[in-house]
Amino acid sequence: MITGNPSVKNLQQSVSEPRRTTMANSILAAQAVSATGMPLNGSATVTQLPVSLGARSAVVMERKVAHHVPRRSEAPMFVDVARTVLPVEFQGKEVILEAHAYEDESVSYQAMALVHRQEGDKSEAPLVRVHSGCVTGDIFHSLRCDCYQQLQKALERVTTSAHGIIIYLPHHEGRGIGLVNKIKAYAEQDRGLDTVDANLSIGAPVDARDYELAAKILKDLGSTEVRLMTNNPLKVDALRDLGITVVEQVPHVVSPSRFNQRYLATKRERMAHKL
């Protein structure tokens, strides 16, 4: 059975900006272009990059413009965007979703929005989940966290709602500290530290996530008023500070396991999560 709005089949993928060329860890001089494909005055800075910086840093540094910084009014909201139709299998059913991909210059860097809406829906406040990417949980179903369970619950709620959105932020791994640091923090938890102290013990912040890209995506989708699925009051405050009206904080609690009981208790007792 296929659910969702058939009209989304008319979506076409947006035109991407010209691809970048790198050679021997150097950024080649290139004409800077905006997300709309229009050239900006000035050329991209040529920067020699050590191997240790990696591809992520290379991409960010390549975008720096040497001579002309556009005024805020003319700067594009995103570096690149694309959209398509994404059929998914969920709970034994085929579901048709809109898939919107975004890239910007923020810490979050890239994200995808999955949108489900029923034809003729006029609701003003969609049900929204802003989900931090988690390789160990979302992909490998780790029991040390509740990420997989929360993502599945969000998919169930979104695909059965009249209008629902999941914003997936892959660069929020480990509350923004990255995969390697997250595994280091796990090793500290194995020594007996909770998730807060484990992060601090390796010199990482307790929570390094940034929600600027998520807020911009919601604005791009025309959803500045949302019912937000989260247990985290700081996420609500962050989105509100970025111009999103959270008309309702929808509890998003999942059942604990023996592996993540302490993890959830730390969220509740030291990070003010409503669990």
Protein backbone atom coordinates (compact mmCIF):
# COMPACT_ATOMS: atom_id res chain seq x y z
CA MET A 1 0.00 0.00 0.00
CA ILE A 2 1.31 3.44 -0.89
CA THR A 3 0.52 6.39 1.35
CA GLY A 4 1.34 10.06 0.96
CA ASN A 5 0.50 12.76 -1.54
CA PRO A 6 0.73 11.59 -5.18
CA SER A 7 1.41 15.14 -6.27
CA VAL A 8 4.91 14.99 -4.84
CA LYS A 9 5.84 12.90 -7.89
CA ASN A 10 6.07 16.18 -9.77
CA LEU A 11 9.03 17.26 -7.68
CA GLN A 12 12.23 17.60 -9.64
CA GLN A 13 15.73 17.68 -8.29
CA SER A 14 17.13 21.17 -8.03
CA VAL A 15 20.15 22.15 -10.07
CA SER A 16 23.28 21.67 -7.96
CA GLU A 17 26.14 24.13 -7.91
CA PRO A 18 29.20 23.22 -10.03
CA ARG A 19 31.28 20.48 -8.45
CA ARG A 20 34.60 21.36 -6.86
CA THR A 21 38.00 20.13 -7.98
CA THR A 22 40.79 19.33 -5.54
CA MET A 23 44.32 18.09 -6.25
CA ALA A 24 47.15 17.14 -3.91
CA ASN A 25 45.30 18.60 -0.94
CA SER A 26 45.16 22.06 -2.55
CA ILE A 27 42.08 24.07 -3.41
CA LEU A 28 42.34 25.23 -7.01
CA ALA A 29 41.39 28.81 -7.82
CA ALA A 30 37.80 28.94 -9.00
CA GLN A 31 35.01 31.42 -9.68
CA ALA A 32 32.83 31.62 -6.53
CA VAL A 33 29.17 30.88 -7.20
CA SER A 34 26.06 31.23 -5.11
CA ALA A 35 23.41 28.58 -4.52
CA THR A 36 21.51 29.98 -7.51
CA GLY A 37 24.49 29.46 -9.80
CA MET A 38 25.20 33.21 -10.17
CA PRO A 39 28.87 34.25 -9.85
CA LEU A 40 29.96 36.46 -6.98
CA ASN A 41 32.54 39.23 -7.36
CA GLY A 42 35.99 37.94 -6.44
CA SER A 43 37.54 34.52 -6.69
CA ALA A 44 37.87 31.71 -4.21
CA THR A 45 40.87 31.79 -1.91
CA VAL A 46 43.62 29.34 -2.87
CA THR A 47 44.67 27.62 0.35
CA GLN A 48 47.23 24.87 0.88
CA LEU A 49 45.64 22.31 3.19
CA PRO A 50 47.49 19.77 5.33
CA VAL A 51 46.22 16.23 5.00
CA SER A 52 45.16 16.25 8.65
CA LEU A 53 42.38 18.75 7.99
CA GLY A 54 40.48 16.29 5.81
CA ALA A 55 37.81 16.75 3.16
CA ARG A 56 35.33 18.54 5.45
CA SER A 57 37.76 21.37 6.14
CA ALA A 58 38.77 21.51 2.48
CA VAL A 59 35.20 22.06 1.39
CA VAL A 60 34.62 24.81 3.92
CA MET A 61 37.88 26.60 3.17
CA GLU A 62 37.29 26.41 -0.58
CA ARG A 63 34.12 28.44 -0.23
CA LYS A 64 35.87 31.44 1.31
CA VAL A 65 35.72 34.42 -1.06
CA ALA A 66 38.80 36.64 -1.21
CA HIS A 67 37.48 40.06 -2.16
CA HIS A 68 33.73 40.39 -1.92
CA VAL A 69 31.58 39.39 1.02
CA PRO A 70 27.88 39.66 0.06
CA ARG A 71 25.66 41.74 2.29
CA ARG A 72 23.24 39.76 4.44
CA SER A 73 20.35 40.80 2.20
CA GLU A 74 21.99 39.27 -0.88
CA ALA A 75 23.67 36.24 0.69
CA PRO A 76 21.90 32.96 -0.18
CA MET A 77 20.26 31.05 2.65
CA PHE A 78 21.91 27.81 1.50
CA VAL A 79 25.04 26.86 -0.42
CA ASP A 80 23.19 24.07 -2.22
CA VAL A 81 19.77 22.42 -2.22
CA ALA A 82 18.09 19.46 -3.91
CA ARG A 83 14.77 17.68 -3.67
CA THR A 84 13.14 14.51 -4.91
CA VAL A 85 10.54 11.88 -4.06
CA LEU A 86 11.69 9.16 -1.66
CA PRO A 87 9.64 5.96 -1.36
CA VAL A 88 10.49 4.11 1.86
CA GLU A 89 9.45 0.83 3.45
CA PHE A 90 8.22 1.33 6.99
CA GLN A 91 6.44 -1.23 9.14
CA GLY A 92 5.63 -3.39 6.12
CA LYS A 93 4.15 -0.54 4.08
CA GLU A 94 5.43 1.63 1.26
CA VAL A 95 5.33 5.31 2.16
CA ILE A 96 6.00 8.19 -0.22
CA LEU A 97 7.92 11.09 1.28
CA GLU A 98 9.35 14.32 -0.03
CA ALA A 99 13.13 14.43 0.46
CA HIS A 100 14.79 17.85 0.67
CA ALA A 101 18.60 18.06 1.01
CA TYR A 102 20.38 21.19 2.20
CA GLU A 103 23.92 22.45 2.66
CA ASP A 104 25.07 25.65 4.31
CA GLU A 105 28.06 27.19 6.07
CA SER A 106 26.87 26.48 9.62
CA VAL A 107 28.36 23.95 12.00
CA SER A 108 25.64 21.46 11.04
CA TYR A 109 26.81 21.69 7.38
CA GLN A 110 24.33 19.30 5.73
CA ALA A 111 20.86 17.99 6.53
CA MET A 112 17.87 16.25 4.99
CA ALA A 113 14.21 16.95 5.59
CA LEU A 114 11.69 14.16 5.04
CA VAL A 115 8.19 15.55 4.62
CA HIS A 116 4.90 13.69 4.76
CA ARG A 117 1.67 15.49 4.00
CA GLN A 118 -1.79 14.38 3.12
CA GLU A 119 -3.46 15.94 0.11
CA GLY A 120 -5.61 18.90 1.07
CA ASP A 121 -4.08 19.26 4.54
CA LYS A 122 -4.45 22.83 5.83
CA SER A 123 -2.81 22.41 9.23
CA GLU A 124 -0.57 25.32 10.20
CA ALA A 125 1.68 23.53 12.67
CA PRO A 126 3.27 20.31 11.38
CA LEU A 127 4.56 17.61 13.70
CA VAL A 128 8.36 17.97 13.58
CA ARG A 129 11.31 15.94 14.77
CA VAL A 130 14.79 17.49 14.60
CA HIS A 131 16.94 14.36 14.86
CA SER A 132 20.67 14.27 15.57
CA GLY A 133 22.43 11.70 13.40
CA CYS A 134 23.81 8.66 15.24
CA VAL A 135 25.77 6.04 13.31
CA THR A 136 25.88 3.57 16.18
CA GLY A 137 22.18 3.94 17.00
CA ASP A 138 20.35 4.81 13.77
CA ILE A 139 22.33 2.37 11.58
CA PHE A 140 23.60 -0.36 13.91
CA HIS A 141 20.80 -0.14 16.53
CA SER A 142 23.10 0.37 19.50
CA LEU A 143 21.40 -0.05 22.87
CA ARG A 144 23.70 2.43 24.62
CA CYS A 145 21.47 5.32 23.51
CA ASP A 146 17.81 5.79 22.54
CA CYS A 147 18.48 7.31 19.10
CA TYR A 148 17.20 4.40 16.99
CA GLN A 149 14.03 4.03 19.04
CA GLN A 150 13.38 7.78 18.85
CA LEU A 151 13.91 7.85 15.08
CA GLN A 152 11.54 4.93 14.55
CA LYS A 153 8.92 6.53 16.78
CA ALA A 154 9.30 9.80 14.87
CA LEU A 155 8.83 8.00 11.54
CA GLU A 156 5.69 6.32 12.85
CA ARG A 157 4.23 9.59 14.06
CA VAL A 158 5.19 11.58 10.97
CA THR A 159 3.95 9.04 8.43
CA THR A 160 0.57 8.79 10.15
CA SER A 161 0.10 12.53 10.61
CA ALA A 162 -1.55 14.91 8.17
CA HIS A 163 1.66 16.94 7.96
CA GLY A 164 4.93 15.81 9.48
CA ILE A 165 8.62 16.61 9.04
CA ILE A 166 11.82 14.87 10.13
CA ILE A 167 14.97 16.97 9.86
CA TYR A 168 17.97 14.65 9.98
CA LEU A 169 21.30 16.27 10.95
CA PRO A 170 24.13 13.76 10.33
CA HIS A 171 26.85 16.11 11.61
CA HIS A 172 25.23 16.17 15.07
CA GLU A 173 26.89 12.84 15.82
CA GLY A 174 27.54 12.44 19.54
CA ARG A 175 25.67 15.68 20.38
CA GLY A 176 27.94 17.44 17.92
CA ILE A 177 31.36 16.15 19.06
CA GLY A 178 31.78 13.69 16.18
CA LEU A 179 32.02 9.92 15.86
CA VAL A 180 35.60 9.44 17.09
CA ASN A 181 35.07 11.60 20.17
CA LYS A 182 31.80 9.81 20.87
CA ILE A 183 33.56 6.44 20.92
CA LYS A 184 36.27 7.92 23.17
CA ALA A 185 33.50 9.12 25.49
CA TYR A 186 31.96 5.63 25.43
CA ALA A 187 35.30 4.25 26.64
CA GLU A 188 35.21 6.74 29.52
CA GLN A 189 31.68 5.61 30.33
CA ASP A 190 33.04 2.05 30.51
CA ARG A 191 35.27 3.35 33.34
CA GLY A 192 32.18 4.47 35.23
CA LEU A 193 31.62 8.08 34.12
CA ASP A 194 28.20 9.28 33.02
CA THR A 195 27.70 10.87 29.59
CA VAL A 196 28.28 14.43 30.84
CA ASP A 197 31.52 13.72 32.70
CA ALA A 198 32.73 11.38 29.94
CA ASN A 199 32.57 14.20 27.40
CA LEU A 200 34.32 16.61 29.73
CA SER A 201 37.05 14.07 30.51
CA ILE A 202 38.14 13.99 26.85
CA GLY A 203 38.01 17.78 26.52
CA ALA A 204 34.73 17.81 24.59
CA PRO A 205 31.67 19.98 25.33
CA VAL A 206 28.62 18.35 26.86
CA ASP A 207 26.52 19.43 23.88
CA ALA A 208 27.99 21.10 20.78
CA ARG A 209 24.92 21.00 18.54
CA ASP A 210 23.84 23.99 16.48
CA TYR A 211 20.27 24.37 15.17
CA GLU A 212 20.72 27.23 12.70
CA LEU A 213 20.44 24.93 9.67
CA ALA A 214 17.36 23.19 11.10
CA ALA A 215 15.65 26.54 11.62
CA LYS A 216 16.50 27.68 8.09
CA ILE A 217 15.09 24.44 6.67
CA LEU A 218 11.81 24.91 8.53
CA LYS A 219 11.57 28.45 7.18
CA ASP A 220 12.31 27.21 3.66
CA LEU A 221 9.51 24.65 4.00
CA GLY A 222 7.14 27.36 5.18
CA SER A 223 6.83 25.81 8.64
CA THR A 224 7.70 28.55 11.12
CA GLU A 225 5.12 27.23 13.60
CA VAL A 226 5.70 23.63 14.69
CA ARG A 227 4.72 20.98 17.17
CA LEU A 228 8.15 19.74 18.18
CA MET A 229 8.79 16.14 19.20
CA THR A 230 11.50 16.39 21.84
CA ASN A 231 12.22 15.88 25.51
CA ASN A 232 14.98 18.51 25.43
CA PRO A 233 13.94 22.04 26.53
CA LEU A 234 17.22 23.47 25.22
CA LYS A 235 16.26 22.39 21.69
CA VAL A 236 12.96 24.21 22.06
CA ASP A 237 14.74 27.36 23.27
CA ALA A 238 17.32 27.18 20.48
CA LEU A 239 14.70 26.98 17.73
CA ARG A 240 12.67 29.77 19.29
CA ASP A 241 15.77 31.97 19.43
CA LEU A 242 16.21 31.30 15.69
CA GLY A 243 12.70 32.46 14.80
CA ILE A 244 10.70 29.21 14.97
CA THR A 245 7.49 29.26 17.01
CA VAL A 246 7.16 26.03 18.97
CA VAL A 247 3.44 25.94 19.68
CA GLU A 248 3.70 22.58 21.45
CA GLN A 249 6.50 20.46 22.89
CA VAL A 250 5.39 16.89 22.19
CA PRO A 251 6.95 14.31 24.57
CA HIS A 252 9.10 11.77 22.73
CA VAL A 253 9.85 9.16 25.40
CA VAL A 254 10.90 5.57 24.62
CA SER A 255 11.25 2.59 26.95
CA PRO A 256 14.72 2.21 28.53
CA SER A 257 16.84 -0.90 28.32
CA ARG A 258 19.37 -2.21 30.82
CA PHE A 259 22.10 -0.75 28.61
CA ASN A 260 20.82 2.83 28.47
CA GLN A 261 19.13 3.31 31.85
CA ARG A 262 21.99 5.42 33.20
CA TYR A 263 22.23 7.36 29.92
CA LEU A 264 18.57 8.34 30.19
CA ALA A 265 18.86 9.09 33.90
CA THR A 266 21.74 11.48 33.14
CA LYS A 267 19.64 13.21 30.50
CA ARG A 268 16.90 13.72 33.08
CA GLU A 269 19.01 14.62 36.10
CA ARG A 270 21.86 16.64 34.59
CA MET A 271 20.51 17.93 31.25
CA ALA A 272 16.92 18.79 32.26
CA HIS A 273 15.32 16.45 29.70
CA LYS A 274 11.66 15.79 30.42
CA LEU A 275 11.77 12.02 30.90
